[in-house]
C-alpha cells in the first residue's frame, strides 16, 4: 500500500523557489506549516475594508510603530503568512535585512469574508503558537471585529487565545500595544447602501 503525502517546504526551500522565479509577482501565495497555499482573491468588501484600515492605521500609529500591509512575516513553524496588516516595533534597520518575526509583532490584523473559517481555524492557532500576543480579525460576514489576546497551549498541544472580545461596527476599540490610541470601527467597515 502506497501512502501519499504532500511535500512540505522549509522556509529556505520556499525562498529558493522564489529566487528561482517559480512564483511570478502576480502569484498570491503564502507558506503555512510548510505548505504553499494559494491565497483567496479579494472581493470588493475586503478591498474597501483594507483601504479604510490603511488610512486609519497609518494616521494613528505614525512615528510610533511600523505598519506593514499584505507582506510576509516569518514564523518558526515553517510558515511565512502574509497578513492583511501587521503593526511592528520600529527597528533601526527598518527590516532591511530580515523579515519581521514574532518578537517584532505588536498586532496582526486579518480581514475575512470568504476566508473566515481559514483565518479562525488555521491562522489563529498559527499566530498563537508563534506567541503573537494580539490578533484582530475583521469579520465581514458578521460585521464585527474579533479581538483575540493571551495566546496559550492546550494540554493536547493545540494553540489558541484565552480572550476573545467582539466589537460591533459602531464601537471604538483601543490598541493593547498603544493604550492611548483607539480606532473608530465605523470608519473601517465597508458601507453598504440601505
N, C-alpha and C. Protein backbone atom coordinates (compact mmCIF):
# COMPACT_ATOMS: atom_id res chain seq x y z
N UNK A 1 0.82 -1.17 0.00
CA UNK A 1 0.00 0.00 0.00
C UNK A 1 0.88 1.25 0.00
N UNK A 2 0.64 2.15 -0.92
CA UNK A 2 1.41 3.38 -1.04
C UNK A 2 0.71 4.50 -0.27
N UNK A 3 1.47 5.18 0.55
CA UNK A 3 0.94 6.31 1.28
C UNK A 3 1.36 7.59 0.56
N UNK A 4 0.41 8.42 0.24
CA UNK A 4 0.69 9.67 -0.46
C UNK A 4 0.70 10.80 0.55
N UNK A 5 1.79 11.55 0.56
CA UNK A 5 1.90 12.70 1.45
C UNK A 5 2.29 13.92 0.63
N UNK A 6 1.89 15.07 1.11
CA UNK A 6 2.24 16.32 0.44
C UNK A 6 3.68 16.67 0.77
N UNK A 7 4.37 17.28 -0.18
CA UNK A 7 5.73 17.78 0.06
C UNK A 7 5.63 19.04 0.90
N UNK A 8 6.32 19.05 2.00
CA UNK A 8 6.37 20.24 2.86
C UNK A 8 7.71 20.93 2.64
N UNK A 9 7.66 22.25 2.60
CA UNK A 9 8.85 23.04 2.33
C UNK A 9 9.34 23.74 3.59
N UNK A 10 10.65 23.88 3.70
CA UNK A 10 11.23 24.71 4.74
C UNK A 10 11.18 26.15 4.26
N UNK A 11 11.43 27.07 5.15
CA UNK A 11 11.49 28.48 4.75
C UNK A 11 12.59 28.70 3.72
N UNK A 12 13.71 28.02 3.91
CA UNK A 12 14.82 28.17 2.97
C UNK A 12 14.45 27.66 1.58
N UNK A 13 13.77 26.53 1.51
CA UNK A 13 13.34 25.99 0.21
C UNK A 13 12.32 26.92 -0.46
N UNK A 14 11.42 27.45 0.33
CA UNK A 14 10.40 28.37 -0.18
C UNK A 14 11.06 29.62 -0.76
N UNK A 15 12.04 30.17 -0.04
CA UNK A 15 12.75 31.35 -0.53
C UNK A 15 13.55 31.02 -1.79
N UNK A 16 14.11 29.84 -1.83
CA UNK A 16 14.88 29.42 -3.01
C UNK A 16 13.96 29.32 -4.24
N UNK A 17 12.76 28.76 -4.05
CA UNK A 17 11.79 28.71 -5.15
C UNK A 17 11.47 30.12 -5.66
N UNK A 18 11.31 31.04 -4.74
CA UNK A 18 11.03 32.43 -5.13
C UNK A 18 12.22 33.02 -5.88
N UNK A 19 13.44 32.77 -5.38
CA UNK A 19 14.65 33.28 -6.05
C UNK A 19 14.81 32.71 -7.45
N UNK A 20 14.38 31.46 -7.65
CA UNK A 20 14.48 30.81 -8.95
C UNK A 20 13.38 31.24 -9.92
N UNK A 21 12.46 32.07 -9.44
CA UNK A 21 11.39 32.55 -10.30
C UNK A 21 10.21 31.60 -10.41
N UNK A 22 10.09 30.66 -9.48
CA UNK A 22 8.99 29.70 -9.50
C UNK A 22 7.64 30.41 -9.37
N UNK A 23 7.63 31.51 -8.62
CA UNK A 23 6.42 32.31 -8.45
C UNK A 23 6.56 33.60 -9.24
N UNK A 24 5.48 34.01 -9.87
CA UNK A 24 5.51 35.31 -10.54
C UNK A 24 5.11 36.38 -9.53
N UNK A 25 5.31 37.63 -9.87
CA UNK A 25 4.93 38.71 -8.96
C UNK A 25 3.43 38.75 -8.72
N UNK A 26 2.67 38.21 -9.65
CA UNK A 26 1.21 38.21 -9.51
C UNK A 26 0.69 37.02 -8.71
N UNK A 27 1.54 36.04 -8.43
CA UNK A 27 1.11 34.89 -7.63
C UNK A 27 0.87 35.34 -6.19
N UNK A 28 -0.29 35.01 -5.69
CA UNK A 28 -0.64 35.34 -4.30
C UNK A 28 -0.57 34.05 -3.49
N UNK A 29 0.61 33.77 -2.97
CA UNK A 29 0.82 32.55 -2.19
C UNK A 29 1.47 32.91 -0.85
N UNK A 30 1.31 31.99 0.09
CA UNK A 30 1.99 32.10 1.37
C UNK A 30 2.34 30.70 1.85
N UNK A 31 3.33 30.60 2.70
CA UNK A 31 3.77 29.31 3.24
C UNK A 31 3.16 29.14 4.63
N UNK A 32 2.34 28.09 4.79
CA UNK A 32 1.70 27.80 6.07
C UNK A 32 2.05 26.38 6.47
N UNK A 33 2.82 26.26 7.55
CA UNK A 33 3.25 24.95 8.07
C UNK A 33 3.87 24.09 6.96
N UNK A 34 4.69 24.75 6.13
CA UNK A 34 5.43 24.04 5.10
C UNK A 34 4.67 23.84 3.80
N UNK A 35 3.40 24.20 3.75
CA UNK A 35 2.61 24.05 2.53
C UNK A 35 2.45 25.39 1.83
N UNK A 36 2.61 25.39 0.52
CA UNK A 36 2.39 26.60 -0.26
C UNK A 36 0.90 26.71 -0.52
N UNK A 37 0.31 27.78 -0.01
CA UNK A 37 -1.13 27.98 -0.06
C UNK A 37 -1.46 29.12 -1.01
N UNK A 38 -2.37 28.86 -1.94
CA UNK A 38 -2.87 29.91 -2.82
C UNK A 38 -3.82 30.79 -2.03
N UNK A 39 -3.56 32.08 -2.00
CA UNK A 39 -4.41 32.99 -1.25
C UNK A 39 -5.68 33.31 -2.05
N UNK A 40 -6.77 33.50 -1.34
CA UNK A 40 -8.05 33.78 -1.99
C UNK A 40 -8.05 35.17 -2.62
N UNK A 41 -8.81 35.30 -3.69
CA UNK A 41 -8.98 36.61 -4.31
C UNK A 41 -9.75 37.52 -3.36
N UNK A 42 -9.45 38.80 -3.43
CA UNK A 42 -10.11 39.76 -2.55
C UNK A 42 -11.31 40.37 -3.26
N UNK A 43 -12.45 40.35 -2.60
CA UNK A 43 -13.64 40.96 -3.16
C UNK A 43 -13.72 42.44 -2.82
N UNK A 44 -14.81 43.07 -3.22
CA UNK A 44 -15.00 44.50 -3.02
C UNK A 44 -15.03 44.87 -1.54
N UNK A 45 -15.76 44.12 -0.73
CA UNK A 45 -15.85 44.44 0.70
C UNK A 45 -14.48 44.35 1.37
N UNK A 46 -13.72 43.31 1.05
CA UNK A 46 -12.37 43.14 1.61
C UNK A 46 -11.48 44.31 1.20
N UNK A 47 -11.51 44.65 -0.08
CA UNK A 47 -10.68 45.73 -0.59
C UNK A 47 -11.04 47.06 0.07
N UNK A 48 -12.34 47.31 0.24
CA UNK A 48 -12.80 48.54 0.85
C UNK A 48 -12.36 48.62 2.31
N UNK A 49 -12.53 47.53 3.04
CA UNK A 49 -12.11 47.48 4.45
C UNK A 49 -10.60 47.68 4.56
N UNK A 50 -9.85 47.06 3.68
CA UNK A 50 -8.40 47.18 3.68
C UNK A 50 -7.98 48.63 3.42
N UNK A 51 -8.59 49.27 2.46
CA UNK A 51 -8.29 50.67 2.14
C UNK A 51 -8.59 51.57 3.35
N UNK A 52 -9.75 51.35 3.96
CA UNK A 52 -10.14 52.15 5.13
C UNK A 52 -9.17 51.93 6.30
N UNK A 53 -8.81 50.68 6.53
CA UNK A 53 -7.86 50.38 7.62
C UNK A 53 -6.50 51.01 7.36
N UNK A 54 -6.04 50.95 6.13
CA UNK A 54 -4.75 51.54 5.80
C UNK A 54 -4.75 53.03 6.13
N UNK A 55 -5.78 53.72 5.73
CA UNK A 55 -5.90 55.16 6.00
C UNK A 55 -5.89 55.42 7.51
N UNK A 56 -6.73 54.70 8.26
CA UNK A 56 -6.88 54.94 9.69
C UNK A 56 -5.63 54.53 10.48
N UNK A 57 -5.09 53.34 10.19
CA UNK A 57 -3.92 52.86 10.94
C UNK A 57 -2.70 53.72 10.68
N UNK A 58 -2.48 54.10 9.44
CA UNK A 58 -1.31 54.92 9.10
C UNK A 58 -1.34 56.23 9.89
N UNK A 59 -2.50 56.85 9.98
CA UNK A 59 -2.62 58.11 10.73
C UNK A 59 -2.43 57.89 12.23
N UNK A 60 -2.97 56.80 12.76
CA UNK A 60 -2.92 56.54 14.20
C UNK A 60 -1.51 56.21 14.71
N UNK A 61 -0.79 55.37 14.00
CA UNK A 61 0.48 54.88 14.55
C UNK A 61 1.71 55.58 13.99
N UNK A 62 1.52 56.59 13.16
CA UNK A 62 2.64 57.31 12.57
C UNK A 62 3.66 57.71 13.63
N UNK A 63 4.92 57.34 13.40
CA UNK A 63 6.00 57.68 14.31
C UNK A 63 6.13 56.80 15.53
N UNK A 64 5.16 55.92 15.77
CA UNK A 64 5.20 55.06 16.97
C UNK A 64 5.54 53.62 16.65
N UNK A 65 5.23 53.19 15.42
CA UNK A 65 5.45 51.81 15.02
C UNK A 65 5.49 51.77 13.50
N UNK A 66 5.82 50.61 12.97
CA UNK A 66 5.80 50.39 11.52
C UNK A 66 4.50 49.69 11.15
N UNK A 67 3.96 50.05 10.02
CA UNK A 67 2.75 49.41 9.51
C UNK A 67 3.10 48.65 8.25
N UNK A 68 2.76 47.38 8.23
CA UNK A 68 3.03 46.52 7.08
C UNK A 68 1.71 46.02 6.54
N UNK A 69 1.54 46.08 5.23
CA UNK A 69 0.28 45.71 4.60
C UNK A 69 0.50 44.60 3.57
N UNK A 70 -0.08 43.43 3.83
CA UNK A 70 -0.07 42.28 2.93
C UNK A 70 1.34 41.88 2.49
N UNK A 71 2.25 41.88 3.47
CA UNK A 71 3.62 41.45 3.26
C UNK A 71 3.95 40.35 4.27
N UNK A 72 4.98 39.54 3.98
CA UNK A 72 5.24 38.37 4.82
C UNK A 72 5.90 38.67 6.16
N UNK A 73 5.62 37.77 7.10
CA UNK A 73 6.34 37.68 8.36
C UNK A 73 6.82 36.25 8.48
N UNK A 74 7.91 36.04 9.18
CA UNK A 74 8.46 34.70 9.34
C UNK A 74 8.08 34.15 10.70
N UNK A 75 7.48 32.94 10.69
CA UNK A 75 7.10 32.27 11.92
C UNK A 75 7.90 30.98 12.04
N UNK A 76 8.13 30.49 13.26
CA UNK A 76 9.01 29.33 13.46
C UNK A 76 8.46 28.01 12.94
N UNK A 77 7.21 27.93 12.55
CA UNK A 77 6.60 26.66 12.13
C UNK A 77 6.70 26.45 10.62
N UNK A 78 7.85 26.86 10.01
CA UNK A 78 7.99 26.83 8.56
C UNK A 78 6.80 27.52 7.90
N UNK A 79 6.52 28.71 8.43
CA UNK A 79 5.40 29.50 7.92
C UNK A 79 5.85 30.91 7.60
N UNK A 80 5.30 31.41 6.53
CA UNK A 80 5.53 32.80 6.13
C UNK A 80 4.21 33.37 5.61
N UNK A 81 3.28 33.61 6.54
CA UNK A 81 1.99 34.17 6.13
C UNK A 81 2.14 35.62 5.70
N UNK A 82 1.13 36.10 5.00
CA UNK A 82 1.08 37.50 4.57
C UNK A 82 -0.22 38.11 5.09
N UNK A 83 -0.24 38.47 6.38
CA UNK A 83 -1.46 39.04 6.95
C UNK A 83 -1.84 40.34 6.26
N UNK A 84 -3.10 40.70 6.36
CA UNK A 84 -3.53 41.96 5.75
C UNK A 84 -2.77 43.14 6.34
N UNK A 85 -2.61 43.15 7.65
CA UNK A 85 -1.82 44.21 8.31
C UNK A 85 -1.04 43.62 9.46
N UNK A 86 0.14 44.21 9.70
CA UNK A 86 0.92 43.91 10.89
C UNK A 86 1.44 45.24 11.42
N UNK A 87 1.25 45.46 12.70
CA UNK A 87 1.87 46.60 13.36
C UNK A 87 3.13 46.07 14.03
N UNK A 88 4.26 46.67 13.66
CA UNK A 88 5.57 46.17 14.06
C UNK A 88 6.30 47.19 14.93
N UNK A 89 7.18 46.65 15.78
CA UNK A 89 8.09 47.51 16.53
C UNK A 89 8.99 48.23 15.51
N UNK A 90 9.39 49.42 15.85
CA UNK A 90 10.36 50.12 15.00
C UNK A 90 11.73 49.52 15.25
N UNK A 91 12.49 49.35 14.18
CA UNK A 91 13.86 48.84 14.29
C UNK A 91 14.79 49.77 13.53
N UNK A 92 16.02 49.86 13.99
CA UNK A 92 16.99 50.73 13.35
C UNK A 92 17.23 50.36 11.89
N UNK A 93 17.21 49.06 11.57
CA UNK A 93 17.47 48.62 10.19
C UNK A 93 16.22 48.66 9.31
N UNK A 94 15.06 49.05 9.89
CA UNK A 94 13.79 49.13 9.17
C UNK A 94 13.48 47.82 8.42
N UNK A 95 13.89 46.70 9.00
CA UNK A 95 13.61 45.36 8.45
C UNK A 95 14.26 45.17 7.07
N UNK A 96 15.38 45.83 6.86
CA UNK A 96 16.06 45.73 5.56
C UNK A 96 16.71 44.37 5.34
N UNK A 97 17.18 43.74 6.40
CA UNK A 97 17.97 42.52 6.25
C UNK A 97 17.22 41.25 6.59
N UNK A 98 16.06 41.36 7.18
CA UNK A 98 15.29 40.17 7.53
C UNK A 98 13.82 40.54 7.68
N UNK A 99 12.97 39.60 7.33
CA UNK A 99 11.54 39.80 7.51
C UNK A 99 11.22 39.86 9.00
N UNK A 100 10.14 40.53 9.36
CA UNK A 100 9.74 40.55 10.77
C UNK A 100 9.45 39.14 11.28
N UNK A 101 9.74 38.92 12.56
CA UNK A 101 9.44 37.65 13.21
C UNK A 101 8.53 37.94 14.41
N UNK A 102 8.09 36.93 15.13
CA UNK A 102 7.12 37.15 16.22
C UNK A 102 7.54 38.19 17.25
N UNK A 103 8.83 38.29 17.55
CA UNK A 103 9.25 39.27 18.56
C UNK A 103 9.09 40.71 18.07
N UNK A 104 8.92 40.91 16.77
CA UNK A 104 8.73 42.24 16.20
C UNK A 104 7.26 42.65 16.15
N UNK A 105 6.36 41.69 16.26
CA UNK A 105 4.94 41.92 16.01
C UNK A 105 4.21 42.43 17.25
N UNK A 106 3.53 43.55 17.09
CA UNK A 106 2.68 44.09 18.16
C UNK A 106 1.23 43.68 17.97
N UNK A 107 0.79 43.60 16.70
CA UNK A 107 -0.59 43.24 16.39
C UNK A 107 -0.67 42.73 14.96
N UNK A 108 -1.40 41.63 14.78
CA UNK A 108 -1.71 41.12 13.44
C UNK A 108 -3.18 41.34 13.18
N UNK A 109 -3.48 41.78 11.95
CA UNK A 109 -4.86 42.03 11.56
C UNK A 109 -5.16 41.29 10.26
N UNK A 110 -6.22 40.51 10.27
CA UNK A 110 -6.73 39.86 9.05
C UNK A 110 -8.12 40.39 8.78
N UNK A 111 -8.47 40.44 7.51
CA UNK A 111 -9.81 40.83 7.06
C UNK A 111 -10.39 39.60 6.39
N UNK A 112 -11.59 39.19 6.78
CA UNK A 112 -12.11 37.92 6.26
C UNK A 112 -13.58 37.98 5.92
N UNK A 113 -13.90 37.47 4.77
CA UNK A 113 -15.28 37.12 4.43
C UNK A 113 -15.24 35.69 3.90
N UNK A 114 -14.78 35.46 2.68
CA UNK A 114 -14.72 34.09 2.16
C UNK A 114 -13.68 33.24 2.88
N UNK A 115 -12.70 33.86 3.54
CA UNK A 115 -11.65 33.12 4.24
C UNK A 115 -11.87 33.06 5.75
N UNK A 116 -13.07 33.38 6.21
CA UNK A 116 -13.32 33.48 7.64
C UNK A 116 -12.93 32.20 8.40
N UNK A 117 -13.41 31.06 7.95
CA UNK A 117 -13.12 29.80 8.64
C UNK A 117 -11.61 29.52 8.65
N UNK A 118 -10.94 29.79 7.54
CA UNK A 118 -9.49 29.59 7.44
C UNK A 118 -8.75 30.49 8.44
N UNK A 119 -9.16 31.75 8.51
CA UNK A 119 -8.50 32.69 9.42
C UNK A 119 -8.76 32.34 10.88
N UNK A 120 -9.92 31.76 11.18
CA UNK A 120 -10.24 31.36 12.55
C UNK A 120 -9.61 30.02 12.92
N UNK A 121 -9.56 29.09 11.99
CA UNK A 121 -9.13 27.72 12.32
C UNK A 121 -7.70 27.38 11.94
N UNK A 122 -7.10 28.11 11.03
CA UNK A 122 -5.71 27.85 10.62
C UNK A 122 -4.79 28.98 11.07
N UNK A 123 -5.14 30.19 10.70
CA UNK A 123 -4.26 31.33 11.02
C UNK A 123 -4.25 31.62 12.52
N UNK A 124 -5.39 31.59 13.19
CA UNK A 124 -5.45 31.90 14.61
C UNK A 124 -4.51 31.00 15.42
N UNK A 125 -4.59 29.66 15.31
CA UNK A 125 -3.66 28.83 16.09
C UNK A 125 -2.20 29.02 15.67
N UNK A 126 -1.99 29.33 14.39
CA UNK A 126 -0.62 29.57 13.90
C UNK A 126 -0.02 30.79 14.61
N UNK A 127 -0.79 31.87 14.69
CA UNK A 127 -0.32 33.08 15.36
C UNK A 127 -0.17 32.86 16.86
N UNK A 128 -1.10 32.14 17.47
CA UNK A 128 -1.00 31.85 18.90
C UNK A 128 0.24 31.00 19.20
N UNK A 129 0.50 30.00 18.37
CA UNK A 129 1.68 29.15 18.56
C UNK A 129 2.96 29.96 18.48
N UNK A 130 2.98 30.96 17.62
CA UNK A 130 4.17 31.81 17.46
C UNK A 130 4.31 32.82 18.60
N UNK A 131 3.31 32.88 19.49
CA UNK A 131 3.37 33.79 20.62
C UNK A 131 2.96 35.22 20.27
N UNK A 132 2.25 35.38 19.16
CA UNK A 132 1.74 36.71 18.79
C UNK A 132 0.69 37.08 19.83
N UNK A 133 0.91 38.16 20.56
CA UNK A 133 0.05 38.47 21.71
C UNK A 133 -1.34 38.94 21.32
N UNK A 134 -1.47 39.62 20.18
CA UNK A 134 -2.77 40.17 19.81
C UNK A 134 -3.06 39.93 18.34
N UNK A 135 -4.29 39.47 18.07
CA UNK A 135 -4.74 39.15 16.72
C UNK A 135 -6.14 39.70 16.55
N UNK A 136 -6.31 40.55 15.56
CA UNK A 136 -7.63 41.10 15.25
C UNK A 136 -8.12 40.51 13.94
N UNK A 137 -9.37 40.12 13.94
CA UNK A 137 -9.99 39.56 12.74
C UNK A 137 -11.22 40.40 12.40
N UNK A 138 -11.15 41.14 11.30
CA UNK A 138 -12.30 41.89 10.83
C UNK A 138 -13.21 40.92 10.09
N UNK A 139 -14.26 40.52 10.77
CA UNK A 139 -15.20 39.53 10.28
C UNK A 139 -16.25 40.25 9.43
N UNK A 140 -16.11 40.16 8.11
CA UNK A 140 -17.04 40.84 7.20
C UNK A 140 -18.31 40.04 6.96
N UNK A 141 -18.38 38.83 7.49
CA UNK A 141 -19.61 38.03 7.40
C UNK A 141 -20.59 38.50 8.46
N UNK A 142 -20.12 38.65 9.69
CA UNK A 142 -20.96 39.09 10.80
C UNK A 142 -20.87 40.59 11.05
N UNK A 143 -19.96 41.26 10.35
CA UNK A 143 -19.74 42.70 10.51
C UNK A 143 -19.38 43.10 11.93
N UNK A 144 -18.34 42.44 12.44
CA UNK A 144 -17.78 42.82 13.73
C UNK A 144 -16.29 42.52 13.74
N UNK A 145 -15.62 43.06 14.74
CA UNK A 145 -14.20 42.79 14.95
C UNK A 145 -14.06 41.75 16.05
N UNK A 146 -13.30 40.70 15.77
CA UNK A 146 -12.95 39.70 16.78
C UNK A 146 -11.53 40.02 17.24
N UNK A 147 -11.38 40.43 18.49
CA UNK A 147 -10.07 40.79 19.05
C UNK A 147 -9.61 39.68 19.98
N UNK A 148 -8.54 39.00 19.61
CA UNK A 148 -8.01 37.87 20.39
C UNK A 148 -6.73 38.32 21.11
N UNK A 149 -6.56 37.84 22.34
CA UNK A 149 -5.33 38.12 23.09
C UNK A 149 -5.02 36.97 24.03
N UNK A 150 -3.82 36.99 24.56
CA UNK A 150 -3.33 35.99 25.52
C UNK A 150 -3.23 34.59 24.90
N UNK A 151 -2.23 34.37 24.06
CA UNK A 151 -2.06 33.04 23.48
C UNK A 151 -1.74 31.99 24.54
N UNK A 152 -2.20 30.77 24.27
CA UNK A 152 -1.94 29.67 25.20
C UNK A 152 -1.91 28.35 24.43
N UNK A 153 -1.43 27.29 25.11
CA UNK A 153 -1.39 25.95 24.53
C UNK A 153 -2.22 25.02 25.39
N UNK A 154 -3.13 24.28 24.75
CA UNK A 154 -3.95 23.27 25.43
C UNK A 154 -3.06 22.08 25.82
N UNK A 155 -3.52 21.27 26.75
CA UNK A 155 -2.78 20.07 27.14
C UNK A 155 -2.57 19.12 25.96
N UNK A 156 -3.53 19.11 25.01
CA UNK A 156 -3.42 18.24 23.83
C UNK A 156 -2.43 18.79 22.81
N UNK A 157 -1.90 19.99 23.05
CA UNK A 157 -0.90 20.55 22.15
C UNK A 157 -1.44 21.60 21.19
N UNK A 158 -2.75 21.80 21.14
CA UNK A 158 -3.29 22.81 20.23
C UNK A 158 -3.13 24.20 20.84
N UNK A 159 -3.11 25.21 19.97
CA UNK A 159 -2.91 26.58 20.41
C UNK A 159 -4.15 27.42 20.15
N UNK A 160 -4.33 28.43 20.96
CA UNK A 160 -5.44 29.35 20.79
C UNK A 160 -5.20 30.59 21.61
N UNK A 161 -6.25 31.38 21.79
CA UNK A 161 -6.19 32.60 22.60
C UNK A 161 -7.21 32.49 23.72
N UNK A 162 -6.80 32.89 24.92
CA UNK A 162 -7.67 32.83 26.09
C UNK A 162 -8.83 33.82 25.99
N UNK A 163 -8.55 34.98 25.41
CA UNK A 163 -9.54 36.06 25.41
C UNK A 163 -9.99 36.35 23.98
N UNK A 164 -11.31 36.39 23.80
CA UNK A 164 -11.90 36.80 22.53
C UNK A 164 -12.95 37.86 22.87
N UNK A 165 -12.76 39.04 22.31
CA UNK A 165 -13.73 40.12 22.51
C UNK A 165 -14.33 40.49 21.16
N UNK A 166 -15.61 40.76 21.16
CA UNK A 166 -16.32 41.16 19.95
C UNK A 166 -16.62 42.66 20.04
N UNK A 167 -16.25 43.38 18.98
CA UNK A 167 -16.56 44.80 18.89
C UNK A 167 -17.45 45.00 17.67
N UNK A 168 -18.55 45.69 17.87
CA UNK A 168 -19.50 45.93 16.80
C UNK A 168 -19.03 47.07 15.91
N UNK A 169 -19.59 47.16 14.72
CA UNK A 169 -19.08 48.11 13.73
C UNK A 169 -19.31 49.56 14.09
N UNK A 170 -20.09 49.85 15.11
CA UNK A 170 -20.30 51.23 15.55
C UNK A 170 -19.54 51.55 16.85
N UNK A 171 -18.62 50.66 17.25
CA UNK A 171 -17.88 50.84 18.50
C UNK A 171 -16.45 51.32 18.22
N UNK A 172 -15.78 51.65 19.31
CA UNK A 172 -14.39 52.08 19.25
C UNK A 172 -13.55 51.05 20.00
N UNK A 173 -12.41 50.66 19.42
CA UNK A 173 -11.53 49.68 20.05
C UNK A 173 -10.19 50.35 20.36
N UNK A 174 -9.65 50.03 21.54
CA UNK A 174 -8.35 50.56 21.96
C UNK A 174 -7.28 49.51 21.67
N UNK A 175 -6.12 49.96 21.24
CA UNK A 175 -5.00 49.07 20.96
C UNK A 175 -4.33 48.68 22.28
N UNK A 176 -4.15 47.39 22.49
CA UNK A 176 -3.45 46.94 23.70
C UNK A 176 -2.01 47.42 23.67
N UNK A 177 -1.39 47.42 22.48
CA UNK A 177 0.01 47.83 22.35
C UNK A 177 0.19 49.34 22.48
N UNK A 178 -0.87 50.11 22.26
CA UNK A 178 -0.85 51.57 22.40
C UNK A 178 -2.16 52.00 23.07
N UNK A 179 -2.24 51.89 24.40
CA UNK A 179 -3.50 52.13 25.10
C UNK A 179 -4.07 53.54 24.94
N UNK A 180 -3.23 54.48 24.50
CA UNK A 180 -3.73 55.85 24.29
C UNK A 180 -4.33 56.04 22.90
N UNK A 181 -4.27 55.00 22.05
CA UNK A 181 -4.82 55.08 20.70
C UNK A 181 -6.07 54.22 20.57
N UNK A 182 -7.04 54.72 19.84
CA UNK A 182 -8.25 53.95 19.61
C UNK A 182 -8.69 54.09 18.16
N UNK A 183 -9.42 53.10 17.69
CA UNK A 183 -9.87 53.01 16.32
C UNK A 183 -11.39 53.00 16.28
N UNK A 184 -11.96 53.94 15.56
CA UNK A 184 -13.41 54.02 15.38
C UNK A 184 -13.79 53.05 14.25
N UNK A 185 -14.43 51.95 14.61
CA UNK A 185 -14.73 50.91 13.63
C UNK A 185 -15.72 51.36 12.56
N UNK A 186 -16.50 52.38 12.84
CA UNK A 186 -17.44 52.87 11.83
C UNK A 186 -16.71 53.50 10.65
N UNK A 187 -15.43 53.84 10.84
CA UNK A 187 -14.61 54.41 9.76
C UNK A 187 -13.88 53.32 8.98
N UNK A 188 -14.03 52.06 9.41
CA UNK A 188 -13.30 50.96 8.80
C UNK A 188 -14.20 50.01 8.02
N UNK A 189 -15.29 49.56 8.65
CA UNK A 189 -16.14 48.59 7.99
C UNK A 189 -16.76 49.18 6.72
N UNK A 190 -16.87 48.37 5.68
CA UNK A 190 -17.46 48.86 4.42
C UNK A 190 -18.88 49.36 4.63
N UNK A 191 -19.19 50.42 3.95
CA UNK A 191 -20.55 50.97 4.00
C UNK A 191 -21.39 50.34 2.89
N UNK A 192 -22.59 49.96 3.22
CA UNK A 192 -23.49 49.36 2.23
C UNK A 192 -24.68 50.27 2.03
N UNK A 193 -25.19 50.30 0.84
CA UNK A 193 -26.38 51.09 0.55
C UNK A 193 -27.56 50.51 1.30
N UNK A 194 -28.38 51.40 1.84
CA UNK A 194 -29.57 50.98 2.58
C UNK A 194 -30.62 50.45 1.62
